[in-house]
């Protein structure tokens, strides 16, 4: 069985353009076979995008702020979360995914939506350097608990002090155990959205839980 976090070269391409609207902006994304949520922006990703509180910038200003916040879109898939947030809020964007096919789509979708991004193939944080003000994650649940927990455990090392880690998950995927795990890692975990089985979680890296 093919999984969206593994490039399956036996799959036939089925490129598809989907649309997504957010805060008065329209986005277009090209997806393909074997990529997570290829027919529409995943509802959990949509909920995550809508529950991250950041200042909006005027059209054309995105990326122009010298002190723009640094966003890492981890497990980016075809890039929707990072592209939408970076374009809307003027963020410096880095995106990473383990699947080379997803990386190629993300690069294409950044060009289509006129968003600058550093796009990296990376197994969890393996090829990522530096620190970020925000990390977003719609975790690859079907990759297994060991993979998702590795992402959680390693995330503080890539956040600046005061930086925020956002994750979206489902009750049926172990939301309560995820909250417990994140509290163990960060010393805090706020549930900023909880409805119809969806949870958006936010953890803040403080000096006390900084990781060398």
N, C-alpha and C. Protein backbone atom coordinates (compact mmCIF):
# COMPACT_ATOMS: atom_id res chain seq x y z
N UNK A 1 0.84 -1.20 0.00
CA UNK A 1 0.00 0.00 0.00
C UNK A 1 0.87 1.25 0.00
N UNK A 2 0.55 2.21 -0.88
CA UNK A 2 1.31 3.45 -0.95
C UNK A 2 0.90 4.40 0.16
N UNK A 3 1.87 5.14 0.68
CA UNK A 3 1.60 6.15 1.69
C UNK A 3 2.14 7.48 1.20
N UNK A 4 1.48 8.58 1.61
CA UNK A 4 1.82 9.89 1.10
C UNK A 4 3.20 10.37 1.55
N UNK A 5 3.78 9.73 2.57
CA UNK A 5 5.11 10.14 3.04
C UNK A 5 6.21 9.34 2.36
N UNK A 6 5.87 8.48 1.41
CA UNK A 6 6.83 7.69 0.65
C UNK A 6 6.58 7.93 -0.83
N UNK A 7 7.64 8.21 -1.59
CA UNK A 7 7.47 8.40 -3.03
C UNK A 7 7.28 7.04 -3.69
N UNK A 8 6.14 6.84 -4.28
CA UNK A 8 5.82 5.59 -4.97
C UNK A 8 5.88 5.85 -6.48
N UNK A 9 7.00 5.46 -7.09
CA UNK A 9 7.20 5.75 -8.51
C UNK A 9 6.35 4.87 -9.41
N UNK A 10 5.68 3.87 -8.83
CA UNK A 10 4.81 3.02 -9.64
C UNK A 10 3.45 3.68 -9.91
N UNK A 11 3.13 4.73 -9.16
CA UNK A 11 1.85 5.40 -9.35
C UNK A 11 1.85 6.23 -10.63
N UNK A 12 0.74 6.21 -11.33
CA UNK A 12 0.58 7.06 -12.50
C UNK A 12 0.26 8.47 -12.04
N UNK A 13 0.87 9.44 -12.70
CA UNK A 13 0.60 10.83 -12.35
C UNK A 13 -0.86 11.18 -12.66
N UNK A 14 -1.45 11.93 -11.77
CA UNK A 14 -2.81 12.44 -11.98
C UNK A 14 -2.84 13.86 -11.43
N UNK A 15 -2.13 14.75 -12.12
CA UNK A 15 -2.03 16.13 -11.67
C UNK A 15 -3.40 16.79 -11.64
N UNK A 16 -3.62 17.55 -10.59
CA UNK A 16 -4.91 18.19 -10.40
C UNK A 16 -4.70 19.55 -9.75
N UNK A 17 -5.41 20.57 -10.22
CA UNK A 17 -5.34 21.88 -9.60
C UNK A 17 -6.53 22.08 -8.68
N UNK A 18 -6.24 22.46 -7.45
CA UNK A 18 -7.30 22.76 -6.49
C UNK A 18 -7.18 24.21 -6.05
N UNK A 19 -8.27 24.74 -5.54
CA UNK A 19 -8.29 26.14 -5.11
C UNK A 19 -8.60 26.23 -3.62
N UNK A 20 -8.11 27.32 -3.03
CA UNK A 20 -8.33 27.53 -1.60
C UNK A 20 -8.37 29.04 -1.36
N UNK A 21 -9.37 29.48 -0.63
CA UNK A 21 -9.52 30.91 -0.31
C UNK A 21 -9.29 31.13 1.18
N UNK A 22 -8.56 32.20 1.49
CA UNK A 22 -8.28 32.52 2.89
C UNK A 22 -8.10 34.02 3.04
N UNK A 23 -8.91 34.62 3.89
CA UNK A 23 -8.81 36.03 4.23
C UNK A 23 -8.75 36.92 2.99
N UNK A 24 -9.63 36.64 2.03
CA UNK A 24 -9.73 37.47 0.85
C UNK A 24 -8.72 37.17 -0.23
N UNK A 25 -7.87 36.17 -0.01
CA UNK A 25 -6.88 35.78 -1.02
C UNK A 25 -7.26 34.42 -1.60
N UNK A 26 -6.96 34.26 -2.89
CA UNK A 26 -7.22 32.99 -3.56
C UNK A 26 -5.89 32.31 -3.87
N UNK A 27 -5.82 31.03 -3.58
CA UNK A 27 -4.61 30.24 -3.81
C UNK A 27 -4.92 29.08 -4.74
N UNK A 28 -3.92 28.69 -5.52
CA UNK A 28 -4.04 27.52 -6.39
C UNK A 28 -2.91 26.55 -6.05
N UNK A 29 -3.25 25.28 -5.96
CA UNK A 29 -2.26 24.25 -5.67
C UNK A 29 -2.40 23.10 -6.66
N UNK A 30 -1.27 22.64 -7.17
CA UNK A 30 -1.26 21.44 -7.98
C UNK A 30 -0.93 20.26 -7.09
N UNK A 31 -1.73 19.20 -7.19
CA UNK A 31 -1.51 17.99 -6.40
C UNK A 31 -1.31 16.82 -7.37
N UNK A 32 -1.06 15.64 -6.82
CA UNK A 32 -0.80 14.48 -7.67
C UNK A 32 -1.13 13.20 -6.91
N UNK A 33 -1.12 12.10 -7.62
CA UNK A 33 -1.34 10.80 -6.99
C UNK A 33 -0.30 10.56 -5.89
N UNK A 34 -0.73 9.91 -4.83
CA UNK A 34 0.19 9.55 -3.76
C UNK A 34 0.53 10.67 -2.80
N UNK A 35 -0.11 11.83 -2.96
CA UNK A 35 0.13 12.98 -2.09
C UNK A 35 -1.08 13.15 -1.18
N UNK A 36 -0.83 13.43 0.08
CA UNK A 36 -1.90 13.56 1.07
C UNK A 36 -2.91 14.63 0.66
N UNK A 37 -4.19 14.26 0.73
CA UNK A 37 -5.32 15.16 0.47
C UNK A 37 -5.20 15.84 -0.89
N UNK A 38 -5.10 15.02 -1.92
CA UNK A 38 -4.84 15.55 -3.26
C UNK A 38 -6.06 16.22 -3.89
N UNK A 39 -7.27 15.96 -3.38
CA UNK A 39 -8.47 16.50 -4.00
C UNK A 39 -8.94 17.82 -3.41
N UNK A 40 -8.45 18.16 -2.24
CA UNK A 40 -8.86 19.40 -1.58
C UNK A 40 -7.92 19.63 -0.40
N UNK A 41 -7.86 20.86 0.07
CA UNK A 41 -7.07 21.13 1.27
C UNK A 41 -7.70 20.37 2.43
N UNK A 42 -6.89 19.58 3.10
CA UNK A 42 -7.35 18.74 4.20
C UNK A 42 -8.07 19.59 5.26
N UNK A 43 -9.22 19.13 5.76
CA UNK A 43 -9.94 19.91 6.79
C UNK A 43 -9.08 20.24 8.01
N UNK A 44 -8.23 19.31 8.43
CA UNK A 44 -7.38 19.59 9.59
C UNK A 44 -6.37 20.70 9.28
N UNK A 45 -5.82 20.70 8.06
CA UNK A 45 -4.90 21.77 7.67
C UNK A 45 -5.63 23.10 7.62
N UNK A 46 -6.86 23.09 7.10
CA UNK A 46 -7.67 24.31 7.06
C UNK A 46 -7.92 24.84 8.46
N UNK A 47 -8.23 23.96 9.39
CA UNK A 47 -8.46 24.38 10.78
C UNK A 47 -7.19 24.95 11.38
N UNK A 48 -6.05 24.32 11.11
CA UNK A 48 -4.78 24.82 11.63
C UNK A 48 -4.50 26.22 11.09
N UNK A 49 -4.63 26.39 9.78
CA UNK A 49 -4.39 27.70 9.16
C UNK A 49 -5.26 28.78 9.81
N UNK A 50 -6.50 28.45 10.08
CA UNK A 50 -7.45 29.43 10.61
C UNK A 50 -7.29 29.70 12.10
N UNK A 51 -6.44 28.96 12.78
CA UNK A 51 -6.31 29.15 14.23
C UNK A 51 -4.91 29.57 14.66
N UNK A 52 -4.12 30.04 13.72
CA UNK A 52 -2.83 30.64 14.05
C UNK A 52 -2.99 32.14 13.96
N UNK A 53 -2.80 32.82 15.07
CA UNK A 53 -3.04 34.26 15.16
C UNK A 53 -1.77 35.03 14.81
N UNK A 54 -1.80 35.71 13.66
CA UNK A 54 -0.67 36.50 13.20
C UNK A 54 -1.20 37.75 12.51
N UNK A 55 -0.41 38.82 12.45
CA UNK A 55 -0.88 40.03 11.77
C UNK A 55 -0.97 39.81 10.26
N UNK A 56 -2.03 40.34 9.65
CA UNK A 56 -2.18 40.24 8.20
C UNK A 56 -1.38 41.36 7.54
N UNK A 57 -0.83 41.08 6.36
CA UNK A 57 -0.16 42.12 5.59
C UNK A 57 -0.98 42.42 4.36
N UNK A 58 -0.80 43.62 3.80
CA UNK A 58 -1.52 43.99 2.60
C UNK A 58 -1.01 43.22 1.40
N UNK A 59 -1.85 42.99 0.38
CA UNK A 59 -1.38 42.28 -0.81
C UNK A 59 -0.14 42.95 -1.40
N UNK A 60 0.85 42.13 -1.74
CA UNK A 60 2.09 42.65 -2.31
C UNK A 60 3.17 42.92 -1.28
N UNK A 61 2.81 42.95 0.02
CA UNK A 61 3.79 43.23 1.05
C UNK A 61 4.45 41.99 1.60
N UNK A 62 3.87 40.81 1.36
CA UNK A 62 4.39 39.59 1.95
C UNK A 62 5.85 39.40 1.60
N UNK A 63 6.64 39.10 2.60
CA UNK A 63 8.07 38.84 2.39
C UNK A 63 8.92 40.09 2.42
N UNK A 64 8.30 41.29 2.53
CA UNK A 64 9.06 42.53 2.46
C UNK A 64 9.54 43.02 3.82
N UNK A 65 9.06 42.41 4.89
CA UNK A 65 9.39 42.87 6.23
C UNK A 65 10.77 42.35 6.64
N UNK A 66 11.67 43.27 7.00
CA UNK A 66 13.03 42.89 7.37
C UNK A 66 13.04 41.98 8.59
N UNK A 67 12.10 42.21 9.49
CA UNK A 67 12.05 41.43 10.73
C UNK A 67 10.92 40.42 10.71
N UNK A 68 10.57 39.91 9.55
CA UNK A 68 9.46 38.97 9.44
C UNK A 68 9.74 37.71 10.25
N UNK A 69 8.69 37.16 10.80
CA UNK A 69 8.82 35.93 11.57
C UNK A 69 9.22 34.77 10.66
N UNK A 70 9.96 33.83 11.22
CA UNK A 70 10.45 32.68 10.46
C UNK A 70 9.53 31.48 10.74
N UNK A 71 8.98 30.94 9.66
CA UNK A 71 8.05 29.81 9.76
C UNK A 71 8.65 28.57 9.14
N UNK A 72 8.58 27.45 9.87
CA UNK A 72 8.89 26.14 9.32
C UNK A 72 7.60 25.36 9.16
N UNK A 73 7.27 25.01 7.92
CA UNK A 73 6.12 24.17 7.60
C UNK A 73 6.65 22.75 7.48
N UNK A 74 6.56 22.01 8.57
CA UNK A 74 7.14 20.66 8.64
C UNK A 74 6.15 19.62 8.13
N UNK A 75 6.62 18.69 7.29
CA UNK A 75 5.72 17.74 6.67
C UNK A 75 4.77 18.46 5.74
N UNK A 76 5.34 19.28 4.85
CA UNK A 76 4.55 20.29 4.13
C UNK A 76 3.63 19.72 3.06
N UNK A 77 3.83 18.46 2.63
CA UNK A 77 3.00 17.94 1.55
C UNK A 77 3.17 18.77 0.30
N UNK A 78 2.08 19.24 -0.31
CA UNK A 78 2.20 20.09 -1.49
C UNK A 78 2.29 21.57 -1.12
N UNK A 79 2.43 21.86 0.17
CA UNK A 79 2.85 23.20 0.59
C UNK A 79 1.78 24.16 1.04
N UNK A 80 0.54 23.70 1.19
CA UNK A 80 -0.56 24.66 1.39
C UNK A 80 -0.43 25.46 2.68
N UNK A 81 -0.10 24.81 3.81
CA UNK A 81 -0.08 25.53 5.08
C UNK A 81 0.92 26.66 5.06
N UNK A 82 2.15 26.35 4.69
CA UNK A 82 3.19 27.37 4.68
C UNK A 82 2.94 28.47 3.68
N UNK A 83 2.50 28.10 2.48
CA UNK A 83 2.25 29.09 1.43
C UNK A 83 1.17 30.07 1.86
N UNK A 84 0.07 29.57 2.39
CA UNK A 84 -1.03 30.44 2.81
C UNK A 84 -0.59 31.36 3.94
N UNK A 85 0.07 30.82 4.95
CA UNK A 85 0.47 31.64 6.09
C UNK A 85 1.54 32.65 5.70
N UNK A 86 2.50 32.25 4.89
CA UNK A 86 3.58 33.16 4.49
C UNK A 86 3.04 34.31 3.64
N UNK A 87 2.15 33.98 2.71
CA UNK A 87 1.59 35.01 1.83
C UNK A 87 0.70 35.97 2.61
N UNK A 88 -0.08 35.45 3.53
CA UNK A 88 -1.03 36.27 4.27
C UNK A 88 -0.36 37.12 5.33
N UNK A 89 0.67 36.57 5.95
CA UNK A 89 1.26 37.23 7.12
C UNK A 89 2.69 37.72 6.91
N UNK A 90 3.21 37.61 5.69
CA UNK A 90 4.54 38.15 5.41
C UNK A 90 5.66 37.46 6.15
N UNK A 91 5.66 36.13 6.14
CA UNK A 91 6.63 35.35 6.90
C UNK A 91 7.79 34.89 6.03
N UNK A 92 8.95 34.70 6.65
CA UNK A 92 10.07 34.03 5.99
C UNK A 92 9.82 32.54 6.10
N UNK A 93 9.73 31.86 4.98
CA UNK A 93 9.21 30.49 4.94
C UNK A 93 10.28 29.46 4.61
N UNK A 94 10.27 28.38 5.39
CA UNK A 94 11.01 27.16 5.08
C UNK A 94 10.01 26.01 5.11
N UNK A 95 10.10 25.10 4.14
CA UNK A 95 9.18 23.97 4.07
C UNK A 95 9.98 22.68 3.90
N UNK A 96 9.51 21.61 4.54
CA UNK A 96 10.25 20.36 4.50
C UNK A 96 9.29 19.18 4.46
N UNK A 97 9.67 18.17 3.69
CA UNK A 97 8.91 16.93 3.62
C UNK A 97 9.88 15.81 3.25
N UNK A 98 9.56 14.60 3.67
CA UNK A 98 10.41 13.45 3.36
C UNK A 98 10.20 12.95 1.94
N UNK A 99 9.06 13.26 1.34
CA UNK A 99 8.69 12.72 0.03
C UNK A 99 9.18 13.64 -1.09
N UNK A 100 10.09 13.17 -1.96
CA UNK A 100 10.59 14.02 -3.05
C UNK A 100 9.49 14.54 -3.98
N UNK A 101 8.45 13.73 -4.21
CA UNK A 101 7.35 14.19 -5.05
C UNK A 101 6.63 15.38 -4.43
N UNK A 102 6.46 15.34 -3.11
CA UNK A 102 5.83 16.47 -2.41
C UNK A 102 6.70 17.71 -2.50
N UNK A 103 8.00 17.54 -2.40
CA UNK A 103 8.93 18.66 -2.50
C UNK A 103 8.82 19.34 -3.87
N UNK A 104 8.76 18.55 -4.92
CA UNK A 104 8.63 19.12 -6.26
C UNK A 104 7.32 19.89 -6.42
N UNK A 105 6.25 19.35 -5.88
CA UNK A 105 4.96 20.05 -5.95
C UNK A 105 4.99 21.34 -5.15
N UNK A 106 5.62 21.30 -3.97
CA UNK A 106 5.72 22.50 -3.14
C UNK A 106 6.48 23.61 -3.86
N UNK A 107 7.59 23.25 -4.51
CA UNK A 107 8.35 24.25 -5.25
C UNK A 107 7.50 24.87 -6.36
N UNK A 108 6.76 24.03 -7.06
CA UNK A 108 5.87 24.53 -8.12
C UNK A 108 4.80 25.44 -7.53
N UNK A 109 4.17 25.01 -6.43
CA UNK A 109 3.08 25.79 -5.85
C UNK A 109 3.57 27.11 -5.26
N UNK A 110 4.78 27.15 -4.78
CA UNK A 110 5.36 28.42 -4.33
C UNK A 110 5.48 29.40 -5.50
N UNK A 111 5.95 28.89 -6.64
CA UNK A 111 6.08 29.76 -7.82
C UNK A 111 4.71 30.26 -8.27
N UNK A 112 3.74 29.37 -8.33
CA UNK A 112 2.40 29.73 -8.80
C UNK A 112 1.77 30.80 -7.91
N UNK A 113 2.01 30.68 -6.60
CA UNK A 113 1.40 31.61 -5.64
C UNK A 113 2.31 32.77 -5.27
N UNK A 114 3.45 32.87 -5.95
CA UNK A 114 4.39 33.99 -5.76
C UNK A 114 4.85 34.10 -4.30
N UNK A 115 5.30 32.97 -3.78
CA UNK A 115 5.80 32.92 -2.41
C UNK A 115 7.24 32.40 -2.43
N UNK A 116 8.12 33.11 -1.74
CA UNK A 116 9.50 32.66 -1.61
C UNK A 116 9.60 31.65 -0.47
N UNK A 117 10.31 30.56 -0.71
CA UNK A 117 10.44 29.54 0.32
C UNK A 117 11.74 28.77 0.12
N UNK A 118 12.35 28.37 1.21
CA UNK A 118 13.44 27.40 1.18
C UNK A 118 12.79 26.04 1.34
N UNK A 119 12.84 25.20 0.32
CA UNK A 119 12.13 23.92 0.31
C UNK A 119 13.15 22.80 0.39
N UNK A 120 13.02 21.95 1.41
CA UNK A 120 14.01 20.93 1.71
C UNK A 120 13.39 19.55 1.79
N UNK A 121 14.08 18.55 1.25
CA UNK A 121 13.71 17.17 1.53
C UNK A 121 14.35 16.80 2.86
N UNK A 122 13.55 16.37 3.82
CA UNK A 122 14.07 16.08 5.15
C UNK A 122 13.22 15.03 5.84
N UNK A 123 13.87 14.05 6.41
CA UNK A 123 13.21 13.06 7.25
C UNK A 123 13.13 13.65 8.65
N UNK A 124 11.95 14.06 9.06
CA UNK A 124 11.77 14.84 10.30
C UNK A 124 12.66 16.07 10.21
N UNK A 125 13.54 16.29 11.18
CA UNK A 125 14.38 17.49 11.19
C UNK A 125 15.80 17.24 10.65
N UNK A 126 16.03 16.10 10.04
CA UNK A 126 17.40 15.68 9.72
C UNK A 126 18.17 16.69 8.86
N UNK A 127 17.52 17.34 7.90
CA UNK A 127 18.22 18.26 6.99
C UNK A 127 17.88 19.72 7.27
N UNK A 128 17.33 20.00 8.43
CA UNK A 128 16.91 21.36 8.76
C UNK A 128 17.93 22.01 9.69
N UNK A 129 18.26 23.25 9.39
CA UNK A 129 19.21 24.00 10.20
C UNK A 129 18.57 25.31 10.66
N UNK A 130 19.11 25.85 11.75
CA UNK A 130 18.64 27.14 12.24
C UNK A 130 17.44 27.01 13.16
N UNK A 131 16.92 28.16 13.54
CA UNK A 131 15.77 28.21 14.44
C UNK A 131 14.67 29.05 13.83
N UNK A 132 13.47 28.81 14.31
CA UNK A 132 12.28 29.43 13.74
C UNK A 132 11.44 30.03 14.86
N UNK A 133 10.59 30.98 14.47
CA UNK A 133 9.66 31.57 15.43
C UNK A 133 8.38 30.75 15.53
N UNK A 134 8.06 30.04 14.44
CA UNK A 134 6.84 29.23 14.38
C UNK A 134 7.15 27.93 13.65
N UNK A 135 6.69 26.83 14.18
CA UNK A 135 6.72 25.55 13.46
C UNK A 135 5.29 25.04 13.40
N UNK A 136 4.84 24.67 12.21
CA UNK A 136 3.51 24.09 12.06
C UNK A 136 3.64 22.63 11.62
N UNK A 137 2.70 21.82 12.10
CA UNK A 137 2.74 20.40 11.77
C UNK A 137 1.34 19.81 11.76
N UNK A 138 0.97 19.24 10.61
CA UNK A 138 -0.17 18.34 10.52
C UNK A 138 0.47 16.96 10.43
N UNK A 139 0.63 16.28 11.55
CA UNK A 139 1.52 15.11 11.61
C UNK A 139 1.10 13.96 10.71
N UNK A 140 2.08 13.25 10.16
CA UNK A 140 1.80 12.09 9.31
C UNK A 140 1.43 10.87 10.15
N UNK A 141 0.20 10.83 10.60
CA UNK A 141 -0.25 9.81 11.54
C UNK A 141 0.06 8.40 11.06
N UNK A 142 -0.12 8.17 9.76
CA UNK A 142 0.05 6.81 9.25
C UNK A 142 1.52 6.41 9.13
N UNK A 143 2.42 7.36 9.37
CA UNK A 143 3.84 7.00 9.44
C UNK A 143 4.16 6.30 10.76
N UNK A 144 3.26 6.40 11.72
CA UNK A 144 3.45 5.72 13.00
C UNK A 144 3.78 6.66 14.13
N UNK A 145 3.48 6.21 15.33
CA UNK A 145 3.68 7.02 16.54
C UNK A 145 5.14 7.39 16.76
N UNK A 146 6.05 6.47 16.41
CA UNK A 146 7.47 6.75 16.62
C UNK A 146 7.92 7.96 15.80
N UNK A 147 7.41 8.07 14.57
CA UNK A 147 7.79 9.19 13.71
C UNK A 147 7.20 10.49 14.23
N UNK A 148 5.90 10.49 14.53
CA UNK A 148 5.28 11.72 15.00
C UNK A 148 5.86 12.18 16.33
N UNK A 149 6.12 11.25 17.23
CA UNK A 149 6.71 11.63 18.52
C UNK A 149 8.14 12.14 18.35
N UNK A 150 8.87 11.61 17.38
CA UNK A 150 10.21 12.12 17.08
C UNK A 150 10.14 13.57 16.64
N UNK A 151 9.14 13.90 15.83
CA UNK A 151 8.94 15.29 15.42
C UNK A 151 8.67 16.18 16.63
N UNK A 152 7.79 15.72 17.50
CA UNK A 152 7.48 16.50 18.71
C UNK A 152 8.73 16.70 19.57
N UNK A 153 9.46 15.62 19.79
CA UNK A 153 10.61 15.65 20.69
C UNK A 153 11.73 16.54 20.17
N UNK A 154 11.92 16.58 18.87
CA UNK A 154 13.03 17.34 18.30
C UNK A 154 12.67 18.80 18.05
N UNK A 155 11.39 19.12 18.05
CA UNK A 155 10.96 20.47 17.65
C UNK A 155 11.51 21.60 18.51
N UNK A 156 11.65 21.46 19.85
CA UNK A 156 12.15 22.61 20.62
C UNK A 156 13.53 23.09 20.21
N UNK A 157 14.37 22.19 19.73
CA UNK A 157 15.73 22.59 19.33
C UNK A 157 15.72 23.53 18.13
N UNK A 158 14.61 23.57 17.40
CA UNK A 158 14.52 24.38 16.19
C UNK A 158 13.63 25.60 16.38
N UNK A 159 13.26 25.87 17.62
CA UNK A 159 12.49 27.06 17.94
C UNK A 159 13.35 28.07 18.69
N UNK A 160 13.21 29.34 18.33
CA UNK A 160 13.82 30.40 19.12
C UNK A 160 13.09 30.50 20.45
N UNK A 161 13.74 31.08 21.45
CA UNK A 161 13.06 31.29 22.73
C UNK A 161 11.79 32.11 22.51
N UNK A 162 10.69 31.64 23.05
CA UNK A 162 9.41 32.30 22.84
C UNK A 162 8.70 31.84 21.58
N UNK A 163 9.37 30.97 20.80
CA UNK A 163 8.77 30.46 19.59
C UNK A 163 7.62 29.52 19.88
N UNK A 164 6.76 29.34 18.88
CA UNK A 164 5.54 28.54 19.09
C UNK A 164 5.51 27.35 18.14
N UNK A 165 5.13 26.20 18.69
CA UNK A 165 4.93 24.97 17.92
C UNK A 165 3.43 24.70 17.86
N UNK A 166 2.89 24.65 16.64
CA UNK A 166 1.48 24.37 16.42
C UNK A 166 1.30 23.01 15.78
N UNK A 167 0.39 22.22 16.30
CA UNK A 167 0.06 20.93 15.71
C UNK A 167 -1.44 20.75 15.71
N UNK A 168 -1.93 20.08 14.68
CA UNK A 168 -3.35 19.75 14.60
C UNK A 168 -3.47 18.23 14.64
N UNK A 169 -4.44 17.75 15.37
CA UNK A 169 -4.63 16.31 15.47
C UNK A 169 -6.11 16.01 15.71
N UNK A 170 -6.43 14.75 15.74
CA UNK A 170 -7.81 14.32 15.93
C UNK A 170 -7.94 13.50 17.21
N UNK A 171 -9.12 13.55 17.79
CA UNK A 171 -9.38 12.76 18.99
C UNK A 171 -9.11 11.29 18.73
N UNK A 172 -9.56 10.80 17.55
CA UNK A 172 -9.39 9.38 17.22
C UNK A 172 -7.94 9.00 16.95
N UNK A 173 -7.09 9.99 16.76
CA UNK A 173 -5.67 9.74 16.55
C UNK A 173 -4.86 9.95 17.81
N UNK A 174 -5.53 10.05 18.94
CA UNK A 174 -4.82 10.14 20.21
C UNK A 174 -4.51 11.55 20.65
N UNK A 175 -5.47 12.46 20.49
CA UNK A 175 -5.23 13.86 20.85
C UNK A 175 -4.82 14.01 22.31
N UNK A 176 -5.50 13.29 23.21
CA UNK A 176 -5.20 13.46 24.63
C UNK A 176 -3.78 12.99 24.97
N UNK A 177 -3.35 11.88 24.37
CA UNK A 177 -1.99 11.41 24.63
C UNK A 177 -0.97 12.35 23.99
N UNK A 178 -1.34 12.98 22.88
CA UNK A 178 -0.46 13.97 22.26
C UNK A 178 -0.28 15.18 23.17
N UNK A 179 -1.37 15.63 23.79
CA UNK A 179 -1.28 16.75 24.73
C UNK A 179 -0.35 16.40 25.88
N UNK A 180 -0.49 15.21 26.43
CA UNK A 180 0.37 14.77 27.53
C UNK A 180 1.83 14.75 27.09
N UNK A 181 2.08 14.23 25.89
CA UNK A 181 3.45 14.17 25.37
C UNK A 181 4.04 15.56 25.21
N UNK A 182 3.28 16.46 24.63
CA UNK A 182 3.79 17.82 24.40
C UNK A 182 4.01 18.57 25.71
N UNK A 183 3.17 18.32 26.70
CA UNK A 183 3.40 18.93 28.01
C UNK A 183 4.69 18.42 28.63
N UNK A 184 4.98 17.14 28.43
CA UNK A 184 6.24 16.58 28.93
C UNK A 184 7.44 17.25 28.25
N UNK A 185 7.30 17.54 26.97
CA UNK A 185 8.41 18.12 26.20
C UNK A 185 8.58 19.60 26.48
N UNK A 186 7.48 20.35 26.44
CA UNK A 186 7.54 21.81 26.53
C UNK A 186 7.23 22.37 27.91
N UNK A 187 6.57 21.57 28.74
CA UNK A 187 6.11 22.09 30.02
C UNK A 187 4.81 22.85 29.90
N UNK A 188 4.27 22.93 28.68
CA UNK A 188 3.00 23.60 28.44
C UNK A 188 2.41 23.08 27.14
N UNK A 189 1.11 23.16 27.02
CA UNK A 189 0.41 22.82 25.78
C UNK A 189 -1.01 23.37 25.88
N UNK A 190 -1.30 24.38 25.10
CA UNK A 190 -2.63 25.00 25.11
C UNK A 190 -3.48 24.43 24.00
N UNK A 191 -4.70 24.05 24.33
CA UNK A 191 -5.66 23.63 23.31
C UNK A 191 -6.35 24.90 22.82
N UNK A 192 -6.01 25.35 21.62
CA UNK A 192 -6.57 26.61 21.13
C UNK A 192 -7.79 26.39 20.25
N UNK A 193 -8.05 25.14 19.89
CA UNK A 193 -9.26 24.80 19.14
C UNK A 193 -9.62 23.37 19.47
N UNK A 194 -10.91 23.14 19.73
CA UNK A 194 -11.40 21.80 20.01
C UNK A 194 -12.86 21.73 19.57
N UNK A 195 -13.08 21.03 18.46
CA UNK A 195 -14.44 20.94 17.93
C UNK A 195 -14.54 19.75 16.98
N UNK A 196 -15.60 18.97 17.15
CA UNK A 196 -15.89 17.84 16.27
C UNK A 196 -14.68 16.92 16.10
N UNK A 197 -13.99 16.68 17.19
CA UNK A 197 -12.88 15.74 17.18
C UNK A 197 -11.55 16.30 16.74
N UNK A 198 -11.53 17.57 16.28
CA UNK A 198 -10.28 18.21 15.87
C UNK A 198 -9.71 19.03 17.02
N UNK A 199 -8.41 18.96 17.17
CA UNK A 199 -7.70 19.74 18.19
C UNK A 199 -6.58 20.51 17.50
N UNK A 200 -6.43 21.78 17.84
CA UNK A 200 -5.23 22.54 17.48
C UNK A 200 -4.50 22.85 18.77
N UNK A 201 -3.24 22.46 18.82
CA UNK A 201 -2.43 22.58 20.02
C UNK A 201 -1.31 23.59 19.79
N UNK A 202 -0.99 24.35 20.82
CA UNK A 202 0.10 25.33 20.74
C UNK A 202 1.00 25.19 21.95
N UNK A 203 2.29 25.02 21.72
CA UNK A 203 3.29 24.96 22.77
C UNK A 203 4.26 26.12 22.58
N UNK A 204 4.73 26.69 23.68
CA UNK A 204 5.65 27.82 23.63
C UNK A 204 6.98 27.40 24.23
N UNK A 205 8.06 27.68 23.49
CA UNK A 205 9.39 27.37 24.01
C UNK A 205 9.86 28.50 24.91
N UNK A 206 10.04 28.18 26.17
CA UNK A 206 10.56 29.15 27.11
C UNK A 206 12.03 28.84 27.39
N UNK A 207 12.71 29.75 28.08
CA UNK A 207 14.11 29.54 28.42
C UNK A 207 14.24 28.29 29.27
N UNK A 208 13.25 28.02 30.12
CA UNK A 208 13.30 26.87 31.01
C UNK A 208 13.27 25.54 30.27
N UNK A 209 12.59 25.50 29.09
CA UNK A 209 12.55 24.24 28.35
C UNK A 209 13.38 24.30 27.07
N UNK A 210 14.32 25.23 27.02
CA UNK A 210 15.20 25.34 25.86
C UNK A 210 16.04 24.09 25.72
N UNK A 211 16.31 23.72 24.46
CA UNK A 211 17.12 22.56 24.17
C UNK A 211 18.39 22.98 23.47
N UNK A 212 19.51 22.51 23.95
CA UNK A 212 20.78 22.87 23.33
C UNK A 212 20.95 22.21 21.97
